[in-house]
Amino acid sequence: MAFWAGGSPSIVDYFPSEDFYRCGYCKNESGSRSNGMWAHSMTVQDYQDLIDRGWRRSGKYVYKPVMNQTCCPQYTIRCRPLQFQPSKSHKKVLKKMLKFLAKGEVPKGSCEDEPMDSTMDDAVASDFALINKLDIQCDLKTLSDDVKESLESEGKNSKKEEPHELLQSQDSVGEKLGSGEPSHSVKVHTVPKRGKGASLNQILCRKLQEKKKKNKLLALMILRFSTELALQSRASPPSLGFLFMTNSSLSFASPSEAYHQLEVRLVPASFEDPEFKSSFSQSFSLYVKYQVAIHQDLPDECGKTEFTRFLCSSPLEAETPPNGPDCGYGSFHQQYWLDGKIIAVGVIDILPNCVSSVYLYYDPDYSFLSMGVYSALRREIAFTRQLHEKTSQLSYYYMGFYIHSCPKMKYK
């Protein structure tokens, strides 16, 4: 069967729904039912029209659930990146990644669905607000100097304060710290006792000052990185806050002075592409590690044939129209390179109206970075915004199917 609306045709073999089969979501042995077709080749516009009608692809197989018969109805959902505003939990994931890249900090007891802290230090929160209001015409050096001056002036003001102005007892300090107020709101001034070393109040005050200084330095780094992005992309600094850009408009990387180096490369999913071919072995090994650790698959079930058929083969014909994005349309792998090795790969389709997420696999050793949430924020949503600047009709992020009865889909 072939169908087209001008240009190259899409060639498919159609398979109408006949039998029920095992459901991959609820594990019902005979509960799932769908229509499908094997796509030998397909234009990006034809696939765009199909996913808008509830179809999705797995490799070259394109299918649509029979909604009134299947055990787990699957709904196509999409996000509007241009209107998207990150929640507190999203900001925490971004902040966690920045701390890891900038200072090498590894969070303790962290996981994918970790709840967001109820409060955020005012020092960091105020700099978040500043980032979102920055004028792109501002000079990076001027911005950095302004922040430094504010830090220096704050230091001078703190030196002017006399220790005798305010005296609080240890009991009142304990009430403040246990009252639920942010720690930076506790101002303690004590009179040193001769010959007896530092008092509890002095120790607490010193620790609070050190914490505040660290937050200010972190906020300065956030400000600098975000402004660098704005000056290079010539667009308003993104509200997501922690995007790092190299000279390539489609390649993201952390600054050279960071503790860890993170680079995200967009590679066409094609063995004809030299970069995809050279990184295939490492990408495949990561896939096996992920499937075995996260989905408890047997190593024998994760062969190169299965990997290639599932995540490398695509029916989409690559297109590079003059009015399209610089990378063109088609299927791609977004490779997250940390200090020279791949730690995550996002498989996506770039279509005329959207970026469509196919699959994500990552190194389980880096689960503490919440790679699923981070990749959705940093690459799919932020990336769609970037592509929209060149191609105005490309303004959606498709997150795949949503299954309301499946707990694993709640994050969507």
Protein backbone atom coordinates (compact mmCIF):
# COMPACT_ATOMS: atom_id res chain seq x y z
CA MET A 1 0.00 0.00 0.00
CA ALA A 2 1.30 3.46 -0.86
CA PHE A 3 -0.11 6.86 -0.04
CA TRP A 4 1.20 10.36 -0.51
CA ALA A 5 0.17 13.96 -0.94
CA GLY A 6 2.86 15.01 -3.38
CA GLY A 7 6.58 14.21 -3.22
CA SER A 8 7.86 10.75 -2.27
CA PRO A 9 5.23 8.16 -1.32
CA SER A 10 4.91 6.34 1.99
CA ILE A 11 4.95 2.56 1.48
CA VAL A 12 3.32 0.34 4.13
CA ASP A 13 1.81 -3.12 4.65
CA TYR A 14 -1.43 -2.83 6.61
CA PHE A 15 -2.42 -5.41 9.26
CA PRO A 16 -6.01 -5.06 10.52
CA SER A 17 -6.82 -5.96 14.11
CA GLU A 18 -7.63 -9.66 14.39
CA ASP A 19 -6.31 -11.31 17.54
CA PHE A 20 -5.77 -10.17 21.10
CA TYR A 21 -2.24 -10.40 22.49
CA ARG A 22 -0.33 -9.93 25.73
CA CYS A 23 -0.46 -6.41 27.18
CA GLY A 24 2.90 -4.91 28.08
CA TYR A 25 1.34 -2.64 30.71
CA CYS A 26 -1.04 -4.75 32.83
CA LYS A 27 0.48 -8.10 31.68
CA ASN A 28 -2.93 -9.45 30.65
CA GLU A 29 -2.11 -12.40 28.39
CA SER A 30 -4.94 -11.68 25.95
CA GLY A 31 -6.12 -8.16 26.71
CA SER A 32 -4.41 -5.91 24.16
CA ARG A 33 -5.64 -5.23 20.64
CA SER A 34 -4.49 -2.80 17.96
CA ASN A 35 -4.35 -2.12 14.26
CA GLY A 36 -0.92 -1.92 12.73
CA MET A 37 1.18 -1.59 9.62
CA TRP A 38 4.76 -2.23 8.67
CA ALA A 39 6.20 0.95 7.22
CA HIS A 40 8.87 0.33 4.60
CA SER A 41 9.25 4.09 4.17
CA MET A 42 7.23 7.05 5.38
CA THR A 43 7.37 10.80 4.96
CA VAL A 44 7.58 12.91 8.09
CA GLN A 45 4.32 14.68 7.19
CA ASP A 46 2.45 11.38 6.84
CA TYR A 47 3.72 10.26 10.23
CA GLN A 48 2.76 13.61 11.72
CA ASP A 49 -0.78 13.09 10.44
CA LEU A 50 -0.82 9.57 11.87
CA ILE A 51 0.32 10.43 15.39
CA ASP A 52 -2.25 13.23 15.44
CA ARG A 53 -4.80 10.45 14.96
CA GLY A 54 -3.51 8.22 17.74
CA TRP A 55 -0.82 6.17 15.95
CA ARG A 56 2.70 5.54 17.27
CA ARG A 57 5.74 3.72 15.96
CA SER A 58 8.02 1.07 17.45
CA GLY A 59 10.90 0.73 15.04
CA LYS A 60 9.26 0.42 11.63
CA TYR A 61 6.02 -0.97 13.03
CA VAL A 62 3.28 1.68 13.32
CA TYR A 63 0.20 0.83 15.40
CA LYS A 64 -2.97 2.23 16.90
CA PRO A 65 -4.81 0.61 19.84
CA VAL A 66 -8.45 -0.37 19.37
CA MET A 67 -9.61 1.86 22.20
CA ASN A 68 -13.00 0.25 22.91
CA GLN A 69 -11.52 -3.26 23.09
CA THR A 70 -8.00 -3.07 24.46
CA CYS A 71 -7.47 -3.60 28.19
CA CYS A 72 -5.32 -0.47 28.63
CA PRO A 73 -6.55 2.42 26.44
CA GLN A 74 -3.62 4.51 25.24
CA TYR A 75 -4.11 8.23 24.68
CA THR A 76 -1.88 10.47 22.63
CA ILE A 77 -0.79 13.44 24.71
CA ARG A 78 1.35 16.45 23.92
CA CYS A 79 2.98 19.31 25.80
CA ARG A 80 3.03 22.97 24.75
CA PRO A 81 6.67 23.94 25.40
CA LEU A 82 6.10 27.62 24.61
CA GLN A 83 3.64 27.89 27.51
CA PHE A 84 5.39 25.41 29.80
CA GLN A 85 6.40 26.61 33.27
CA PRO A 86 8.62 24.32 35.39
CA SER A 87 7.25 23.30 38.76
CA LYS A 88 9.20 23.30 42.01
CA SER A 89 10.10 19.65 41.55
CA HIS A 90 11.34 20.37 38.01
CA LYS A 91 13.55 23.19 39.30
CA LYS A 92 14.95 20.88 41.93
CA VAL A 93 16.01 18.38 39.27
CA LEU A 94 17.68 21.14 37.25
CA LYS A 95 19.41 22.56 40.32
CA LYS A 96 20.60 19.09 41.29
CA MET A 97 22.15 18.58 37.85
CA LEU A 98 23.82 21.99 37.95
CA LYS A 99 25.38 21.29 41.34
CA PHE A 100 26.67 17.96 40.07
CA LEU A 101 28.20 19.54 36.97
CA ALA A 102 29.53 22.68 38.63
CA LYS A 103 30.83 21.25 41.91
CA GLY A 104 30.61 17.47 41.64
CA GLU A 105 27.98 17.23 44.38
CA VAL A 106 26.13 13.90 44.54
CA PRO A 107 22.74 14.14 46.32
CA LYS A 108 22.05 11.67 49.09
CA GLY A 109 18.91 9.53 49.09
CA SER A 110 17.80 10.93 45.73
CA CYS A 111 15.43 9.19 43.33
CA GLU A 112 13.29 9.87 40.25
CA ASP A 113 10.13 10.80 42.12
CA GLU A 114 11.86 12.67 44.92
CA PRO A 115 9.53 15.34 46.35
CA MET A 116 10.45 18.98 46.06
CA ASP A 117 11.57 20.81 49.18
CA SER A 118 8.83 23.00 50.62
CA THR A 119 11.11 26.02 50.65
CA MET A 120 14.05 27.34 48.68
CA ASP A 121 16.79 29.62 50.02
CA ASP A 122 15.96 33.25 49.29
CA ALA A 123 19.46 33.79 47.97
CA VAL A 124 18.97 31.21 45.22
CA ALA A 125 15.30 32.06 44.62
CA SER A 126 16.09 35.74 44.05
CA ASP A 127 18.73 34.84 41.49
CA PHE A 128 16.25 32.58 39.70
CA ALA A 129 13.98 35.59 39.40
CA LEU A 130 16.87 37.71 38.13
CA ILE A 131 17.76 35.14 35.49
CA ASN A 132 14.23 35.19 34.10
CA LYS A 133 14.22 38.99 33.83
CA LEU A 134 17.65 39.48 32.25
CA ASP A 135 17.89 41.66 29.17
CA ILE A 136 19.73 39.79 26.42
CA GLN A 137 21.52 42.95 25.37
CA CYS A 138 23.31 43.10 28.73
CA ASP A 139 27.02 42.41 28.68
CA LEU A 140 28.09 39.23 30.49
CA LYS A 141 31.05 40.93 32.17
CA THR A 142 28.88 43.78 33.41
CA LEU A 143 26.37 41.32 34.86
CA SER A 144 29.08 39.36 36.61
CA ASP A 145 30.64 42.56 38.02
CA ASP A 146 27.24 43.75 39.27
CA VAL A 147 26.67 40.53 41.16
CA LYS A 148 30.19 40.61 42.58
CA GLU A 149 29.68 44.19 43.75
CA SER A 150 26.44 43.21 45.49
CA LEU A 151 28.25 40.37 47.24
CA GLU A 152 31.09 42.67 48.32
CA SER A 153 28.71 45.35 49.57
CA GLU A 154 26.79 42.77 51.52
CA GLY A 155 30.04 41.63 53.11
CA LYS A 156 30.96 45.19 54.08
CA ASN A 157 27.54 45.80 55.60
CA SER A 158 27.78 42.65 57.66
CA LYS A 159 31.16 43.83 59.02
CA LYS A 160 29.66 47.12 60.13
CA GLU A 161 27.15 45.40 62.38
CA GLU A 162 28.17 45.47 66.02
CA PRO A 163 27.89 42.21 67.99
CA HIS A 164 26.25 44.07 70.89
CA GLU A 165 23.23 45.24 68.87
CA LEU A 166 21.21 42.10 69.29
CA LEU A 167 21.69 39.33 71.83
CA GLN A 168 19.69 36.13 71.69
CA SER A 169 19.77 33.22 74.10
CA GLN A 170 20.36 29.65 73.01
CA ASP A 171 16.74 28.82 73.82
CA SER A 172 15.37 31.50 71.48
CA VAL A 173 17.68 30.30 68.73
CA GLY A 174 16.32 26.80 69.14
CA GLU A 175 12.77 28.08 68.81
CA LYS A 176 13.65 29.92 65.61
CA LEU A 177 15.36 26.95 64.01
CA GLY A 178 12.48 24.65 64.90
CA SER A 179 9.71 27.03 63.90
CA GLY A 180 9.83 26.13 60.22
CA GLU A 181 11.25 29.49 59.12
CA PRO A 182 14.02 29.44 56.48
CA SER A 183 17.40 29.18 58.12
CA HIS A 184 18.67 32.38 56.51
CA SER A 185 16.08 34.41 58.45
CA VAL A 186 17.79 33.63 61.76
CA LYS A 187 20.21 36.43 62.64
CA VAL A 188 22.29 35.71 65.70
CA HIS A 189 24.69 38.15 67.33
CA THR A 190 26.49 37.14 70.46
CA VAL A 191 29.11 38.57 72.79
CA PRO A 192 32.20 36.34 72.73
CA LYS A 193 33.16 34.84 76.05
CA ARG A 194 36.82 35.14 76.85
CA GLY A 195 38.77 31.96 77.32
CA LYS A 196 35.89 29.59 76.62
CA GLY A 197 36.06 29.24 72.82
CA ALA A 198 33.17 29.75 70.39
CA SER A 199 29.64 29.59 71.75
CA LEU A 200 26.80 27.61 70.14
CA ASN A 201 25.38 30.85 68.71
CA GLN A 202 28.70 31.72 67.08
CA ILE A 203 28.98 28.27 65.52
CA LEU A 204 25.44 28.46 64.16
CA CYS A 205 26.03 31.97 62.84
CA ARG A 206 29.24 30.93 61.10
CA LYS A 207 27.57 27.92 59.47
CA LEU A 208 24.67 30.06 58.27
CA GLN A 209 27.08 32.55 56.75
CA GLU A 210 29.03 29.79 55.00
CA LYS A 211 25.82 28.33 53.59
CA LYS A 212 24.69 31.73 52.37
CA LYS A 213 28.05 32.33 50.71
CA LYS A 214 27.85 28.97 48.91
CA ASN A 215 24.34 29.77 47.67
CA LYS A 216 25.48 33.13 46.39
CA LEU A 217 28.39 31.59 44.50
CA LEU A 218 26.08 28.97 43.02
CA ALA A 219 23.61 31.67 42.01
CA LEU A 220 26.46 33.58 40.35
CA MET A 221 27.32 30.49 38.30
CA ILE A 222 23.65 30.07 37.33
CA LEU A 223 23.53 33.70 36.28
CA ARG A 224 26.69 33.42 34.24
CA PHE A 225 25.75 30.19 32.45
CA SER A 226 22.23 31.37 31.68
CA THR A 227 23.46 34.71 30.35
CA GLU A 228 26.04 33.00 28.14
CA LEU A 229 23.21 31.01 26.58
CA ALA A 230 21.13 34.13 26.03
CA LEU A 231 24.00 36.02 24.39
CA GLN A 232 24.80 33.13 22.06
CA SER A 233 21.24 32.23 21.10
CA ARG A 234 20.08 35.89 20.95
CA ALA A 235 16.87 34.97 22.72
CA SER A 236 15.43 35.66 26.14
CA PRO A 237 17.11 33.59 28.87
CA PRO A 238 15.02 30.43 29.27
CA SER A 239 13.00 29.96 32.43
CA LEU A 240 14.42 26.44 32.71
CA GLY A 241 17.60 28.17 33.69
CA PHE A 242 20.38 25.63 33.23
CA LEU A 243 20.99 25.22 29.51
CA PHE A 244 24.54 25.21 28.24
CA MET A 245 25.31 25.87 24.60
CA THR A 246 28.39 25.48 22.42
CA ASN A 247 28.98 27.18 19.10
CA SER A 248 26.82 24.57 17.38
CA SER A 249 23.17 25.58 17.59
CA LEU A 250 22.16 21.95 18.07
CA SER A 251 24.85 20.81 20.50
CA PHE A 252 24.74 21.55 24.22
CA ALA A 253 27.68 21.37 26.63
CA SER A 254 28.67 22.57 30.10
CA PRO A 255 31.35 25.29 30.42
CA SER A 256 34.97 24.19 30.37
CA GLU A 257 35.61 25.25 33.98
CA ALA A 258 32.85 23.01 35.36
CA TYR A 259 33.72 20.06 37.60
CA HIS A 260 32.06 17.66 35.14
CA GLN A 261 31.71 18.06 31.40
CA LEU A 262 28.27 17.28 29.95
CA GLU A 263 27.60 17.47 26.23
CA VAL A 264 24.41 16.50 24.41
CA ARG A 265 24.88 15.54 20.77
CA LEU A 266 22.11 15.22 18.23
CA VAL A 267 22.97 12.34 15.91
CA PRO A 268 20.85 11.06 12.99
CA ALA A 269 19.66 7.48 13.63
CA SER A 270 21.36 6.08 10.56
CA PHE A 271 24.33 3.80 10.03
CA GLU A 272 25.28 6.03 7.14
CA ASP A 273 26.12 8.74 9.66
CA PRO A 274 29.79 8.39 10.82
CA GLU A 275 29.14 9.68 14.35
CA PHE A 276 26.19 7.34 14.88
CA LYS A 277 28.19 4.40 13.55
CA SER A 278 31.29 5.12 15.67
CA SER A 279 29.24 5.42 18.89
CA PHE A 280 26.95 2.44 18.19
CA SER A 281 28.89 -0.06 20.32
CA GLN A 282 28.93 2.19 23.40
CA SER A 283 25.28 3.14 22.92
CA PHE A 284 24.26 -0.51 22.59
CA SER A 285 26.20 -1.54 25.73
CA LEU A 286 24.41 1.19 27.67
CA TYR A 287 21.04 -0.06 26.39
CA VAL A 288 21.76 -3.59 27.62
CA LYS A 289 22.85 -2.30 31.04
CA TYR A 290 19.67 -0.23 31.32
CA GLN A 291 17.28 -2.99 30.23
CA VAL A 292 18.80 -5.55 32.59
CA ALA A 293 18.95 -3.23 35.62
CA ILE A 294 15.73 -1.25 35.18
CA HIS A 295 13.40 -3.65 33.35
CA GLN A 296 14.94 -6.92 34.58
CA ASP A 297 15.38 -8.22 31.03
CA LEU A 298 17.73 -11.12 30.44
CA PRO A 299 20.94 -10.24 28.55
CA ASP A 300 19.92 -12.68 25.82
CA GLU A 301 16.79 -10.61 25.24
CA CYS A 302 18.82 -7.48 24.54
CA GLY A 303 20.79 -8.45 21.45
CA LYS A 304 22.02 -6.08 18.75
CA THR A 305 19.25 -7.27 16.44
CA GLU A 306 16.53 -6.34 18.93
CA PHE A 307 18.22 -3.04 19.76
CA THR A 308 18.61 -2.09 16.10
CA ARG A 309 15.04 -3.06 15.21
CA PHE A 310 13.58 -1.27 18.22
CA LEU A 311 15.57 1.97 18.48
CA CYS A 312 17.76 2.40 15.39
CA SER A 313 15.57 1.38 12.46
CA SER A 314 13.07 4.00 11.40
CA PRO A 315 10.73 4.29 8.41
CA LEU A 316 11.02 8.08 8.36
CA GLU A 317 12.75 9.55 5.36
CA ALA A 318 15.15 12.33 6.34
CA GLU A 319 14.17 15.72 4.92
CA THR A 320 15.97 19.07 5.01
CA PRO A 321 13.55 21.65 3.55
CA PRO A 322 14.78 25.27 3.41
CA ASN A 323 12.08 26.41 5.84
CA GLY A 324 12.72 23.55 8.29
CA PRO A 325 15.10 23.29 11.27
CA ASP A 326 18.85 23.23 10.66
CA CYS A 327 19.07 19.55 11.63
CA GLY A 328 16.23 18.62 9.27
CA TYR A 329 13.37 16.21 9.92
CA GLY A 330 13.67 12.52 10.70
CA SER A 331 14.76 10.18 13.53
CA PHE A 332 17.62 11.06 15.86
CA HIS A 333 19.51 9.93 18.94
CA GLN A 334 20.29 12.53 21.59
CA GLN A 335 23.45 11.30 23.25
CA TYR A 336 24.37 12.60 26.72
CA TRP A 337 28.17 12.50 27.02
CA LEU A 338 29.50 12.95 30.56
CA ASP A 339 33.28 13.31 30.82
CA GLY A 340 33.76 11.49 27.53
CA LYS A 341 31.29 8.60 27.91
CA ILE A 342 27.61 8.16 27.05
CA ILE A 343 25.37 8.06 30.12
CA ALA A 344 21.96 8.45 28.42
CA VAL A 345 20.36 8.31 24.99
CA GLY A 346 17.01 9.82 24.03
CA VAL A 347 15.46 8.53 20.81
CA ILE A 348 13.28 11.17 19.16
CA ASP A 349 11.54 12.00 15.89
CA ILE A 350 11.61 15.58 14.61
CA LEU A 351 8.44 16.19 12.59
CA PRO A 352 6.91 19.25 10.90
CA ASN A 353 4.84 20.21 13.96
CA CYS A 354 6.57 18.54 16.89
CA VAL A 355 9.39 16.72 18.61
CA SER A 356 8.13 13.21 19.36
CA SER A 357 9.76 11.19 22.14
CA VAL A 358 10.27 7.50 21.30
CA TYR A 359 12.40 6.09 24.14
CA LEU A 360 15.03 6.99 26.73
CA TYR A 361 17.64 4.73 28.28
CA TYR A 362 20.39 5.75 30.68
CA ASP A 363 23.16 4.44 32.91
CA PRO A 364 21.55 3.22 36.16
CA ASP A 365 24.65 4.43 38.02
CA TYR A 366 23.39 7.98 37.38
CA SER A 367 19.81 7.46 38.51
CA PHE A 368 20.41 10.06 41.22
CA LEU A 369 20.37 12.74 38.48
CA SER A 370 16.73 11.96 37.54
CA MET A 371 17.69 11.60 33.89
CA GLY A 372 14.11 10.96 32.74
CA VAL A 373 12.84 14.27 34.10
CA TYR A 374 16.01 16.16 33.22
CA SER A 375 16.05 14.99 29.60
CA ALA A 376 12.39 15.89 29.13
CA LEU A 377 12.99 19.40 30.47
CA ARG A 378 16.38 20.12 29.05
CA ARG A 379 16.26 18.50 25.66
CA GLU A 380 12.73 17.76 24.52
CA ILE A 381 10.97 20.87 25.90
CA ALA A 382 13.86 23.33 25.64
CA PHE A 383 14.92 21.81 22.32
CA THR A 384 11.43 22.25 20.87
CA ARG A 385 11.54 25.91 21.91
CA GLN A 386 14.82 26.31 20.08
CA LEU A 387 13.55 24.64 16.90
CA HIS A 388 10.44 26.80 17.04
CA GLU A 389 12.59 29.92 16.59
CA LYS A 390 13.54 28.73 13.09
CA THR A 391 10.37 26.77 12.23
CA SER A 392 7.34 28.48 13.74
CA GLN A 393 4.87 25.61 13.15
CA LEU A 394 7.09 23.23 15.17
CA SER A 395 5.71 24.00 18.61
CA TYR A 396 4.68 20.74 20.34
CA TYR A 397 6.38 18.02 22.33
CA TYR A 398 4.69 14.61 22.03
CA MET A 399 5.29 12.41 25.07
CA GLY A 400 3.98 9.17 23.64
CA PHE A 401 0.95 7.36 24.98
CA TYR A 402 -0.62 8.02 28.37
CA ILE A 403 -2.26 5.05 30.09
CA HIS A 404 -4.31 6.21 33.07
CA SER A 405 -4.38 2.73 34.62
CA CYS A 406 -0.58 2.33 34.54
CA PRO A 407 1.28 3.74 37.60
CA LYS A 408 4.50 4.09 35.58
CA MET A 409 2.79 6.67 33.37
CA LYS A 410 1.86 9.03 36.22
CA TYR A 411 4.92 11.18 35.59
CA LYS A 412 3.43 12.29 32.28
